Amino acid sequence: MDDHCVLLLVYVDDVIGIGSSTELTVHTNSDLKTRFEMTDSGKCTFVLGIDLIDNTDGSVTVCQKRYVDDILKQFEMDDCKAVVCPMDASSRPVPSSLSTKVDAPFA
């Protein structure tokens, strides 16, 4: 199994295992199950507010539509209408002498 690897993505008590080969990933999963109490939930399609979509060419699409929909629902904006507001592609932000520093918990 030269030049193969398995990545374990850990968040609190969730672990997602991805690997360069199915055989190595299954072997790693089995090995972990002998050492730790684990439940295999199968293929990961949703994690941390992100949908993971397998494409036929082997790539993965990452989509946060569900997360955005949940936020819109939370703030009762799920019926709002989208508005096109194009910006000149050549515009670049520049610092302003008029800007003020804001002491906010999210800044």
PDB file of N, CA and C in Angstrom:
ATOM      1  N   MET A   1       0.823  -1.186   0.000  1.00  0.00           N
ATOM      2  CA  MET A   1       0.000   0.000   0.000  1.00  0.00           C
ATOM      3  C   MET A   1       0.868   1.250   0.000  1.00  0.00           C
ATOM      4  N   ASP A   2       1.904   1.236  -0.790  1.00  0.00           N
ATOM      5  CA  ASP A   2       2.776   2.402  -0.900  1.00  0.00           C
ATOM      6  C   ASP A   2       2.039   3.553  -1.567  1.00  0.00           C
ATOM      7  N   ASP A   3       2.397   4.763  -1.170  1.00  0.00           N
ATOM      8  CA  ASP A   3       1.817   5.983  -1.735  1.00  0.00           C
ATOM      9  C   ASP A   3       0.313   6.093  -1.545  1.00  0.00           C
ATOM     10  N   HIS A   4      -0.228   5.443  -0.538  1.00  0.00           N
ATOM     11  CA  HIS A   4      -1.650   5.565  -0.224  1.00  0.00           C
ATOM     12  C   HIS A   4      -1.778   6.213   1.149  1.00  0.00           C
ATOM     13  N   CYS A   5      -2.890   6.880   1.374  1.00  0.00           N
ATOM     14  CA  CYS A   5      -3.086   7.505   2.679  1.00  0.00           C
ATOM     15  C   CYS A   5      -4.560   7.523   3.041  1.00  0.00           C
ATOM     16  N   VAL A   6      -4.812   7.656   4.332  1.00  0.00           N
ATOM     17  CA  VAL A   6      -6.164   7.828   4.857  1.00  0.00           C
ATOM     18  C   VAL A   6      -6.143   9.095   5.703  1.00  0.00           C
ATOM     19  N   LEU A   7      -7.122   9.954   5.494  1.00  0.00           N
ATOM     20  CA  LEU A   7      -7.259  11.161   6.298  1.00  0.00           C
ATOM     21  C   LEU A   7      -8.444  10.977   7.230  1.00  0.00           C
ATOM     22  N   LEU A   8      -8.245  11.264   8.503  1.00  0.00           N
ATOM     23  CA  LEU A   8      -9.324  11.212   9.484  1.00  0.00           C
ATOM     24  C   LEU A   8      -9.656  12.643   9.874  1.00  0.00           C
ATOM     25  N   LEU A   9     -10.861  13.074   9.539  1.00  0.00           N
ATOM     26  CA  LEU A   9     -11.323  14.419   9.850  1.00  0.00           C
ATOM     27  C   LEU A   9     -12.157  14.326  11.118  1.00  0.00           C
ATOM     28  N   VAL A  10     -11.692  14.956  12.187  1.00  0.00           N
ATOM     29  CA  VAL A  10     -12.323  14.814  13.500  1.00  0.00           C
ATOM     30  C   VAL A  10     -12.966  16.133  13.914  1.00  0.00           C
ATOM     31  N   TYR A  11     -14.232  16.046  14.343  1.00  0.00           N
ATOM     32  CA  TYR A  11     -14.936  17.202  14.892  1.00  0.00           C
ATOM     33  C   TYR A  11     -15.733  16.713  16.095  1.00  0.00           C
ATOM     34  N   VAL A  12     -15.322  17.112  17.282  1.00  0.00           N
ATOM     35  CA  VAL A  12     -15.912  16.702  18.556  1.00  0.00           C
ATOM     36  C   VAL A  12     -15.922  15.175  18.636  1.00  0.00           C
ATOM     37  N   ASP A  13     -17.091  14.533  18.469  1.00  0.00           N
ATOM     38  CA  ASP A  13     -17.133  13.070  18.558  1.00  0.00           C
ATOM     39  C   ASP A  13     -17.464  12.425  17.215  1.00  0.00           C
ATOM     40  N   ASP A  14     -17.305  13.173  16.138  1.00  0.00           N
ATOM     41  CA  ASP A  14     -17.529  12.636  14.795  1.00  0.00           C
ATOM     42  C   ASP A  14     -16.199  12.494  14.081  1.00  0.00           C
ATOM     43  N   VAL A  15     -16.053  11.407  13.333  1.00  0.00           N
ATOM     44  CA  VAL A  15     -14.847  11.172  12.551  1.00  0.00           C
ATOM     45  C   VAL A  15     -15.274  10.795  11.139  1.00  0.00           C
ATOM     46  N   ILE A  16     -14.679  11.456  10.166  1.00  0.00           N
ATOM     47  CA  ILE A  16     -14.907  11.112   8.768  1.00  0.00           C
ATOM     48  C   ILE A  16     -13.581  10.603   8.233  1.00  0.00           C
ATOM     49  N   GLY A  17     -13.604   9.410   7.655  1.00  0.00           N
ATOM     50  CA  GLY A  17     -12.396   8.834   7.077  1.00  0.00           C
ATOM     51  C   GLY A  17     -12.474   8.845   5.566  1.00  0.00           C
ATOM     52  N   ILE A  18     -11.443   9.405   4.939  1.00  0.00           N
ATOM     53  CA  ILE A  18     -11.355   9.369   3.483  1.00  0.00           C
ATOM     54  C   ILE A  18      -9.970   8.867   3.118  1.00  0.00           C
ATOM     55  N   GLY A  19      -9.887   8.124   2.040  1.00  0.00           N
ATOM     56  CA  GLY A  19      -8.605   7.551   1.683  1.00  0.00           C
ATOM     57  C   GLY A  19      -8.383   7.453   0.197  1.00  0.00           C
ATOM     58  N   SER A  20      -7.131   7.165  -0.146  1.00  0.00           N
ATOM     59  CA  SER A  20      -6.764   7.063  -1.551  1.00  0.00           C
ATOM     60  C   SER A  20      -7.198   5.737  -2.163  1.00  0.00           C
ATOM     61  N   SER A  21      -7.551   4.769  -1.319  1.00  0.00           N
ATOM     62  CA  SER A  21      -8.080   3.503  -1.841  1.00  0.00           C
ATOM     63  C   SER A  21      -9.171   2.996  -0.902  1.00  0.00           C
ATOM     64  N   THR A  22     -10.172   2.379  -1.491  1.00  0.00           N
ATOM     65  CA  THR A  22     -11.278   1.838  -0.696  1.00  0.00           C
ATOM     66  C   THR A  22     -10.767   0.776   0.263  1.00  0.00           C
ATOM     67  N   GLU A  23      -9.870  -0.080  -0.219  1.00  0.00           N
ATOM     68  CA  GLU A  23      -9.329  -1.168   0.607  1.00  0.00           C
ATOM     69  C   GLU A  23      -8.647  -0.622   1.862  1.00  0.00           C
ATOM     70  N   LEU A  24      -7.824   0.394   1.696  1.00  0.00           N
ATOM     71  CA  LEU A  24      -7.113   0.975   2.839  1.00  0.00           C
ATOM     72  C   LEU A  24      -8.084   1.664   3.800  1.00  0.00           C
ATOM     73  N   THR A  25      -9.082   2.345   3.270  1.00  0.00           N
ATOM     74  CA  THR A  25     -10.069   3.023   4.109  1.00  0.00           C
ATOM     75  C   THR A  25     -10.871   2.017   4.927  1.00  0.00           C
ATOM     76  N   VAL A  26     -11.301   0.927   4.293  1.00  0.00           N
ATOM     77  CA  VAL A  26     -12.050  -0.122   4.998  1.00  0.00           C
ATOM     78  C   VAL A  26     -11.170  -0.765   6.064  1.00  0.00           C
ATOM     79  N   HIS A  27      -9.905  -1.038   5.737  1.00  0.00           N
ATOM     80  CA  HIS A  27      -8.968  -1.637   6.696  1.00  0.00           C
ATOM     81  C   HIS A  27      -8.768  -0.709   7.900  1.00  0.00           C
ATOM     82  N   THR A  28      -8.583   0.587   7.645  1.00  0.00           N
ATOM     83  CA  THR A  28      -8.390   1.558   8.727  1.00  0.00           C
ATOM     84  C   THR A  28      -9.630   1.633   9.608  1.00  0.00           C
ATOM     85  N   ASN A  29     -10.804   1.644   8.989  1.00  0.00           N
ATOM     86  CA  ASN A  29     -12.066   1.686   9.727  1.00  0.00           C
ATOM     87  C   ASN A  29     -12.200   0.452  10.621  1.00  0.00           C
ATOM     88  N   SER A  30     -11.890  -0.719  10.080  1.00  0.00           N
ATOM     89  CA  SER A  30     -11.964  -1.962  10.862  1.00  0.00           C
ATOM     90  C   SER A  30     -10.984  -1.937  12.024  1.00  0.00           C
ATOM     91  N   ASP A  31      -9.781  -1.432  11.767  1.00  0.00           N
ATOM     92  CA  ASP A  31      -8.755  -1.346  12.808  1.00  0.00           C
ATOM     93  C   ASP A  31      -9.200  -0.403  13.931  1.00  0.00           C
ATOM     94  N   LEU A  32      -9.793   0.721  13.575  1.00  0.00           N
ATOM     95  CA  LEU A  32     -10.279   1.667  14.583  1.00  0.00           C
ATOM     96  C   LEU A  32     -11.415   1.065  15.406  1.00  0.00           C
ATOM     97  N   LYS A  33     -12.277   0.268  14.762  1.00  0.00           N
ATOM     98  CA  LYS A  33     -13.400  -0.358  15.470  1.00  0.00           C
ATOM     99  C   LYS A  33     -12.927  -1.359  16.521  1.00  0.00           C
ATOM    100  N   THR A  34     -11.736  -1.950  16.325  1.00  0.00           N
ATOM    101  CA  THR A  34     -11.214  -2.879  17.330  1.00  0.00           C
ATOM    102  C   THR A  34     -10.684  -2.130  18.552  1.00  0.00           C
ATOM    103  N   ARG A  35     -10.341  -0.860  18.371  1.00  0.00           N
ATOM    104  CA  ARG A  35      -9.763  -0.076  19.468  1.00  0.00           C
ATOM    105  C   ARG A  35     -10.761   0.859  20.147  1.00  0.00           C
ATOM    106  N   PHE A  36     -11.782   1.281  19.404  1.00  0.00           N
ATOM    107  CA  PHE A  36     -12.733   2.266  19.923  1.00  0.00           C
ATOM    108  C   PHE A  36     -14.161   1.807  19.658  1.00  0.00           C
ATOM    109  N   GLU A  37     -15.077   2.266  20.514  1.00  0.00           N
ATOM    110  CA  GLU A  37     -16.493   2.009  20.278  1.00  0.00           C
ATOM    111  C   GLU A  37     -16.943   2.972  19.178  1.00  0.00           C
ATOM    112  N   MET A  38     -17.342   2.406  18.054  1.00  0.00           N
ATOM    113  CA  MET A  38     -17.694   3.233  16.896  1.00  0.00           C
ATOM    114  C   MET A  38     -18.967   2.740  16.234  1.00  0.00           C
ATOM    115  N   THR A  39     -19.644   3.655  15.589  1.00  0.00           N
ATOM    116  CA  THR A  39     -20.793   3.329  14.756  1.00  0.00           C
ATOM    117  C   THR A  39     -20.506   3.853  13.358  1.00  0.00           C
ATOM    118  N   ASP A  40     -20.612   2.995  12.361  1.00  0.00           N
ATOM    119  CA  ASP A  40     -20.382   3.413  10.981  1.00  0.00           C
ATOM    120  C   ASP A  40     -21.707   3.886  10.393  1.00  0.00           C
ATOM    121  N   SER A  41     -21.792   5.160  10.084  1.00  0.00           N
ATOM    122  CA  SER A  41     -23.025   5.731   9.534  1.00  0.00           C
ATOM    123  C   SER A  41     -23.060   5.670   8.015  1.00  0.00           C
ATOM    124  N   GLY A  42     -22.079   5.028   7.427  1.00  0.00           N
ATOM    125  CA  GLY A  42     -22.055   4.904   5.969  1.00  0.00           C
ATOM    126  C   GLY A  42     -21.451   6.123   5.306  1.00  0.00           C
ATOM    127  N   LYS A  43     -21.815   6.288   4.059  1.00  0.00           N
ATOM    128  CA  LYS A  43     -21.271   7.365   3.249  1.00  0.00           C
ATOM    129  C   LYS A  43     -21.684   8.729   3.806  1.00  0.00           C
ATOM    130  N   CYS A  44     -20.738   9.627   3.910  1.00  0.00           N
ATOM    131  CA  CYS A  44     -20.988  10.969   4.443  1.00  0.00           C
ATOM    132  C   CYS A  44     -21.510  11.870   3.320  1.00  0.00           C
ATOM    133  N   THR A  45     -22.726  12.381   3.499  1.00  0.00           N
ATOM    134  CA  THR A  45     -23.306  13.278   2.499  1.00  0.00           C
ATOM    135  C   THR A  45     -23.585  14.670   3.065  1.00  0.00           C
ATOM    136  N   PHE A  46     -23.498  14.817   4.398  1.00  0.00           N
ATOM    137  CA  PHE A  46     -23.774  16.109   5.031  1.00  0.00           C
ATOM    138  C   PHE A  46     -22.932  16.229   6.286  1.00  0.00           C
ATOM    139  N   VAL A  47     -22.154  17.308   6.403  1.00  0.00           N
ATOM    140  CA  VAL A  47     -21.327  17.511   7.588  1.00  0.00           C
ATOM    141  C   VAL A  47     -21.144  19.012   7.832  1.00  0.00           C
ATOM    142  N   LEU A  48     -21.350  19.431   9.085  1.00  0.00           N
ATOM    143  CA  LEU A  48     -21.146  20.819   9.501  1.00  0.00           C
ATOM    144  C   LEU A  48     -21.849  21.824   8.589  1.00  0.00           C
ATOM    145  N   GLY A  49     -23.077  21.512   8.205  1.00  0.00           N
ATOM    146  CA  GLY A  49     -23.848  22.431   7.374  1.00  0.00           C
ATOM    147  C   GLY A  49     -23.482  22.408   5.906  1.00  0.00           C
ATOM    148  N   ILE A  50     -22.711  21.415   5.498  1.00  0.00           N
ATOM    149  CA  ILE A  50     -22.254  21.344   4.108  1.00  0.00           C
ATOM    150  C   ILE A  50     -22.719  20.039   3.480  1.00  0.00           C
ATOM    151  N   ASP A  51     -23.364  20.137   2.311  1.00  0.00           N
ATOM    152  CA  ASP A  51     -23.728  18.949   1.542  1.00  0.00           C
ATOM    153  C   ASP A  51     -22.528  18.527   0.711  1.00  0.00           C
ATOM    154  N   LEU A  52     -22.231  17.234   0.700  1.00  0.00           N
ATOM    155  CA  LEU A  52     -21.156  16.670  -0.111  1.00  0.00           C
ATOM    156  C   LEU A  52     -21.799  15.820  -1.196  1.00  0.00           C
ATOM    157  N   ILE A  53     -21.559  16.171  -2.450  1.00  0.00           N
ATOM    158  CA  ILE A  53     -22.195  15.499  -3.574  1.00  0.00           C
ATOM    159  C   ILE A  53     -21.126  14.851  -4.443  1.00  0.00           C
ATOM    160  N   ASP A  54     -21.200  13.510  -4.582  1.00  0.00           N
ATOM    161  CA  ASP A  54     -20.274  12.793  -5.463  1.00  0.00           C
ATOM    162  C   ASP A  54     -20.673  13.008  -6.911  1.00  0.00           C
ATOM    163  N   ASN A  55     -19.706  13.342  -7.735  1.00  0.00           N
ATOM    164  CA  ASN A  55     -19.947  13.509  -9.165  1.00  0.00           C
ATOM    165  C   ASN A  55     -19.456  12.276  -9.916  1.00  0.00           C
ATOM    166  N   THR A  56     -19.986  12.054 -11.101  1.00  0.00           N
ATOM    167  CA  THR A  56     -19.629  10.860 -11.875  1.00  0.00           C
ATOM    168  C   THR A  56     -18.159  10.842 -12.278  1.00  0.00           C
ATOM    169  N   ASP A  57     -17.509  12.006 -12.343  1.00  0.00           N
ATOM    170  CA  ASP A  57     -16.093  12.046 -12.726  1.00  0.00           C
ATOM    171  C   ASP A  57     -15.158  11.825 -11.537  1.00  0.00           C
ATOM    172  N   GLY A  58     -15.720  11.516 -10.352  1.00  0.00           N
ATOM    173  CA  GLY A  58     -14.897  11.251  -9.171  1.00  0.00           C
ATOM    174  C   GLY A  58     -14.667  12.471  -8.295  1.00  0.00           C
ATOM    175  N   SER A  59     -15.054  13.641  -8.764  1.00  0.00           N
ATOM    176  CA  SER A  59     -14.891  14.849  -7.955  1.00  0.00           C
ATOM    177  C   SER A  59     -16.052  14.966  -6.962  1.00  0.00           C
ATOM    178  N   VAL A  60     -15.905  15.877  -6.019  1.00  0.00           N
ATOM    179  CA  VAL A  60     -16.934  16.101  -5.005  1.00  0.00           C
ATOM    180  C   VAL A  60     -17.345  17.569  -5.051  1.00  0.00           C
ATOM    181  N   THR A  61     -18.646  17.810  -5.086  1.00  0.00           N
ATOM    182  CA  THR A  61     -19.171  19.174  -5.037  1.00  0.00           C
ATOM    183  C   THR A  61     -19.549  19.489  -3.594  1.00  0.00           C
ATOM    184  N   VAL A  62     -19.112  20.644  -3.117  1.00  0.00           N
ATOM    185  CA  VAL A  62     -19.421  21.108  -1.770  1.00  0.00           C
ATOM    186  C   VAL A  62     -20.471  22.207  -1.899  1.00  0.00           C
ATOM    187  N   CYS A  63     -21.599  22.042  -1.211  1.00  0.00           N
ATOM    188  CA  CYS A  63     -22.722  22.971  -1.368  1.00  0.00           C
ATOM    189  C   CYS A  63     -23.274  23.360   0.006  1.00  0.00           C
ATOM    190  N   GLN A  64     -23.500  24.650   0.214  1.00  0.00           N
ATOM    191  CA  GLN A  64     -24.048  25.125   1.483  1.00  0.00           C
ATOM    192  C   GLN A  64     -25.470  25.659   1.332  1.00  0.00           C
ATOM    193  N   LYS A  65     -26.191  25.225   0.317  1.00  0.00           N
ATOM    194  CA  LYS A  65     -27.560  25.689   0.090  1.00  0.00           C
ATOM    195  C   LYS A  65     -28.442  25.432   1.309  1.00  0.00           C
ATOM    196  N   ARG A  66     -28.347  24.242   1.883  1.00  0.00           N
ATOM    197  CA  ARG A  66     -29.179  23.901   3.044  1.00  0.00           C
ATOM    198  C   ARG A  66     -28.873  24.834   4.216  1.00  0.00           C
ATOM    199  N   TYR A  67     -27.586  25.144   4.420  1.00  0.00           N
ATOM    200  CA  TYR A  67     -27.167  26.045   5.496  1.00  0.00           C
ATOM    201  C   TYR A  67     -27.752  27.441   5.280  1.00  0.00           C
ATOM    202  N   VAL A  68     -27.652  27.944   4.048  1.00  0.00           N
ATOM    203  CA  VAL A  68     -28.200  29.263   3.723  1.00  0.00           C
ATOM    204  C   VAL A  68     -29.712  29.263   3.923  1.00  0.00           C
ATOM    205  N   ASP A  69     -30.378  28.206   3.467  1.00  0.00           N
ATOM    206  CA  ASP A  69     -31.833  28.104   3.647  1.00  0.00           C
ATOM    207  C   ASP A  69     -32.218  28.128   5.129  1.00  0.00           C
ATOM    208  N   ASP A  70     -31.446  27.421   5.965  1.00  0.00           N
ATOM    209  CA  ASP A  70     -31.719  27.402   7.412  1.00  0.00           C
ATOM    210  C   ASP A  70     -31.570  28.794   8.030  1.00  0.00           C
ATOM    211  N   ILE A  71     -30.545  29.536   7.616  1.00  0.00           N
ATOM    212  CA  ILE A  71     -30.334  30.891   8.147  1.00  0.00           C
ATOM    213  C   ILE A  71     -31.472  31.811   7.702  1.00  0.00           C
ATOM    214  N   LEU A  72     -31.861  31.703   6.433  1.00  0.00           N
ATOM    215  CA  LEU A  72     -32.973  32.528   5.948  1.00  0.00           C
ATOM    216  C   LEU A  72     -34.245  32.223   6.729  1.00  0.00           C
ATOM    217  N   LYS A  73     -34.475  30.935   7.008  1.00  0.00           N
ATOM    218  CA  LYS A  73     -35.654  30.531   7.773  1.00  0.00           C
ATOM    219  C   LYS A  73     -35.583  31.091   9.199  1.00  0.00           C
ATOM    220  N   GLN A  74     -34.394  31.011   9.810  1.00  0.00           N
ATOM    221  CA  GLN A  74     -34.201  31.485  11.180  1.00  0.00           C
ATOM    222  C   GLN A  74     -34.560  32.969  11.317  1.00  0.00           C
ATOM    223  N   PHE A  75     -34.240  33.758  10.300  1.00  0.00           N
ATOM    224  CA  PHE A  75     -34.509  35.192  10.350  1.00  0.00           C
ATOM    225  C   PHE A  75     -35.761  35.576   9.553  1.00  0.00           C
ATOM    226  N   GLU A  76     -36.617  34.562   9.322  1.00  0.00           N
ATOM    227  CA  GLU A  76     -37.893  34.745   8.629  1.00  0.00           C
ATOM    228  C   GLU A  76     -37.734  35.478   7.301  1.00  0.00           C
ATOM    229  N   MET A  77     -36.705  35.092   6.558  1.00  0.00           N
ATOM    230  CA  MET A  77     -36.455  35.681   5.244  1.00  0.00           C
ATOM    231  C   MET A  77     -36.514  34.624   4.146  1.00  0.00           C
ATOM    232  N   ASP A  78     -37.082  33.462   4.458  1.00  0.00           N
ATOM    233  CA  ASP A  78     -37.084  32.372   3.484  1.00  0.00           C
ATOM    234  C   ASP A  78     -38.005  32.630   2.293  1.00  0.00           C
ATOM    235  N   ASP A  79     -38.853  33.667   2.366  1.00  0.00           N
ATOM    236  CA  ASP A  79     -39.704  34.028   1.231  1.00  0.00           C
ATOM    237  C   ASP A  79     -39.169  35.244   0.474  1.00  0.00           C
ATOM    238  N   CYS A  80     -37.960  35.700   0.831  1.00  0.00           N
ATOM    239  CA  CYS A  80     -37.423  36.890   0.169  1.00  0.00           C
ATOM    240  C   CYS A  80     -37.076  36.580  -1.289  1.00  0.00           C
ATOM    241  N   LYS A  81     -37.041  37.606  -2.101  1.00  0.00           N
ATOM    242  CA  LYS A  81     -36.751  37.467  -3.528  1.00  0.00           C
ATOM    243  C   LYS A  81     -35.309  37.894  -3.790  1.00  0.00           C
ATOM    244  N   ALA A  82     -34.631  37.151  -4.638  1.00  0.00           N
ATOM    245  CA  ALA A  82     -33.258  37.488  -5.006  1.00  0.00           C
ATOM    246  C   ALA A  82     -33.255  38.714  -5.914  1.00  0.00           C
ATOM    247  N   VAL A  83     -32.225  39.534  -5.789  1.00  0.00           N
ATOM    248  CA  VAL A  83     -32.085  40.725  -6.621  1.00  0.00           C
ATOM    249  C   VAL A  83     -30.693  40.717  -7.227  1.00  0.00           C
ATOM    250  N   VAL A  84     -30.630  40.960  -8.523  1.00  0.00           N
ATOM    251  CA  VAL A  84     -29.336  41.040  -9.188  1.00  0.00           C
ATOM    252  C   VAL A  84     -28.753  42.418  -8.918  1.00  0.00           C
ATOM    253  N   CYS A  85     -27.531  42.442  -8.418  1.00  0.00           N
ATOM    254  CA  CYS A  85     -26.872  43.703  -8.090  1.00  0.00           C
ATOM    255  C   CYS A  85     -25.417  43.588  -8.534  1.00  0.00           C
ATOM    256  N   PRO A  86     -25.187  43.690  -9.847  1.00  0.00           N
ATOM    257  CA  PRO A  86     -23.826  43.469 -10.347  1.00  0.00           C
ATOM    258  C   PRO A  86     -22.861  44.557  -9.896  1.00  0.00           C
ATOM    259  N   MET A  87     -21.616  44.151  -9.768  1.00  0.00           N
ATOM    260  CA  MET A  87     -20.555  45.082  -9.391  1.00  0.00           C
ATOM    261  C   MET A  87     -19.525  45.066 -10.509  1.00  0.00           C
ATOM    262  N   ASP A  88     -18.941  46.180 -10.780  1.00  0.00           N
ATOM    263  CA  ASP A  88     -17.916  46.258 -11.805  1.00  0.00           C
ATOM    264  C   ASP A  88     -16.772  45.321 -11.427  1.00  0.00           C
ATOM    265  N   ALA A  89     -16.438  44.388 -12.315  1.00  0.00           N
ATOM    266  CA  ALA A  89     -15.419  43.373 -12.028  1.00  0.00           C
ATOM    267  C   ALA A  89     -14.040  43.972 -11.820  1.00  0.00           C
ATOM    268  N   SER A  90     -13.796  45.159 -12.345  1.00  0.00           N
ATOM    269  CA  SER A  90     -12.468  45.762 -12.200  1.00  0.00           C
ATOM    270  C   SER A  90     -12.338  46.594 -10.922  1.00  0.00           C
ATOM    271  N   SER A  91     -13.420  46.765 -10.174  1.00  0.00           N
ATOM    272  CA  SER A  91     -13.375  47.544  -8.924  1.00  0.00           C
ATOM    273  C   SER A  91     -12.537  46.829  -7.872  1.00  0.00           C
ATOM    274  N   ARG A  92     -11.753  47.583  -7.152  1.00  0.00           N
ATOM    275  CA  ARG A  92     -10.940  47.043  -6.065  1.00  0.00           C
ATOM    276  C   ARG A  92     -11.196  47.878  -4.815  1.00  0.00           C
ATOM    277  N   PRO A  93     -11.393  47.240  -3.662  1.00  0.00           N
ATOM    278  CA  PRO A  93     -11.602  48.009  -2.433  1.00  0.00           C
ATOM    279  C   PRO A  93     -10.334  48.768  -2.042  1.00  0.00           C
ATOM    280  N   VAL A  94     -10.525  49.963  -1.554  1.00  0.00           N
ATOM    281  CA  VAL A  94      -9.393  50.773  -1.098  1.00  0.00           C
ATOM    282  C   VAL A  94      -9.691  51.269   0.311  1.00  0.00           C
ATOM    283  N   PRO A  95      -8.682  51.392   1.148  1.00  0.00           N
ATOM    284  CA  PRO A  95      -8.906  51.899   2.506  1.00  0.00           C
ATOM    285  C   PRO A  95      -9.414  53.342   2.445  1.00  0.00           C
ATOM    286  N   SER A  96     -10.272  53.671   3.365  1.00  0.00           N
ATOM    287  CA  SER A  96     -10.830  55.020   3.413  1.00  0.00           C
ATOM    288  C   SER A  96     -10.380  55.716   4.690  1.00  0.00           C
ATOM    289  N   SER A  97     -10.057  56.989   4.560  1.00  0.00           N
ATOM    290  CA  SER A  97      -9.690  57.761   5.757  1.00  0.00           C
ATOM    291  C   SER A  97     -10.927  58.036   6.608  1.00  0.00           C
ATOM    292  N   LEU A  98     -12.114  57.809   6.031  1.00  0.00           N
ATOM    293  CA  LEU A  98     -13.361  58.042   6.754  1.00  0.00           C
ATOM    294  C   LEU A  98     -13.815  56.824   7.553  1.00  0.00           C
ATOM    295  N   SER A  99     -13.156  55.692   7.347  1.00  0.00           N
ATOM    296  CA  SER A  99     -13.598  54.482   8.044  1.00  0.00           C
ATOM    297  C   SER A  99     -13.292  54.581   9.533  1.00  0.00           C
ATOM    298  N   THR A 100     -14.158  53.977  10.318  1.00  0.00           N
ATOM    299  CA  THR A 100     -13.981  53.983  11.768  1.00  0.00           C
ATOM    300  C   THR A 100     -13.941  52.549  12.267  1.00  0.00           C
ATOM    301  N   LYS A 101     -13.186  52.334  13.307  1.00  0.00           N
ATOM    302  CA  LYS A 101     -13.092  51.008  13.895  1.00  0.00           C
ATOM    303  C   LYS A 101     -14.313  50.784  14.781  1.00  0.00           C
ATOM    304  N   VAL A 102     -14.923  49.626  14.627  1.00  0.00           N
ATOM    305  CA  VAL A 102     -16.122  49.294  15.392  1.00  0.00           C
ATOM    306  C   VAL A 102     -15.769  48.228  16.410  1.00  0.00           C
ATOM    307  N   ASP A 103     -16.143  48.462  17.661  1.00  0.00           N
ATOM    308  CA  ASP A 103     -15.923  47.472  18.705  1.00  0.00           C
ATOM    309  C   ASP A 103     -17.196  46.633  18.824  1.00  0.00           C
ATOM    310  N   ALA A 104     -17.246  45.560  18.038  1.00  0.00           N
ATOM    311  CA  ALA A 104     -18.425  44.692  18.018  1.00  0.00           C
ATOM    312  C   ALA A 104     -17.989  43.264  18.313  1.00  0.00           C
ATOM    313  N   PRO A 105     -18.863  42.456  18.906  1.00  0.00           N
ATOM    314  CA  PRO A 105     -18.473  41.097  19.277  1.00  0.00           C
ATOM    315  C   PRO A 105     -18.144  40.215  18.074  1.00  0.00           C
ATOM    316  N   PHE A 106     -18.627  40.564  16.894  1.00  0.00           N
ATOM    317  CA  PHE A 106     -18.386  39.754  15.714  1.00  0.00           C
ATOM    318  C   PHE A 106     -17.264  40.298  14.849  1.00  0.00           C
ATOM    319  N   ALA A 107     -16.695  41.440  15.183  1.00  0.00           N
ATOM    320  CA  ALA A 107     -15.664  42.065  14.352  1.00  0.00           C
ATOM    321  C   ALA A 107     -14.305  41.470  14.625  1.00  0.00           C
TER     322      ALA A 107
END
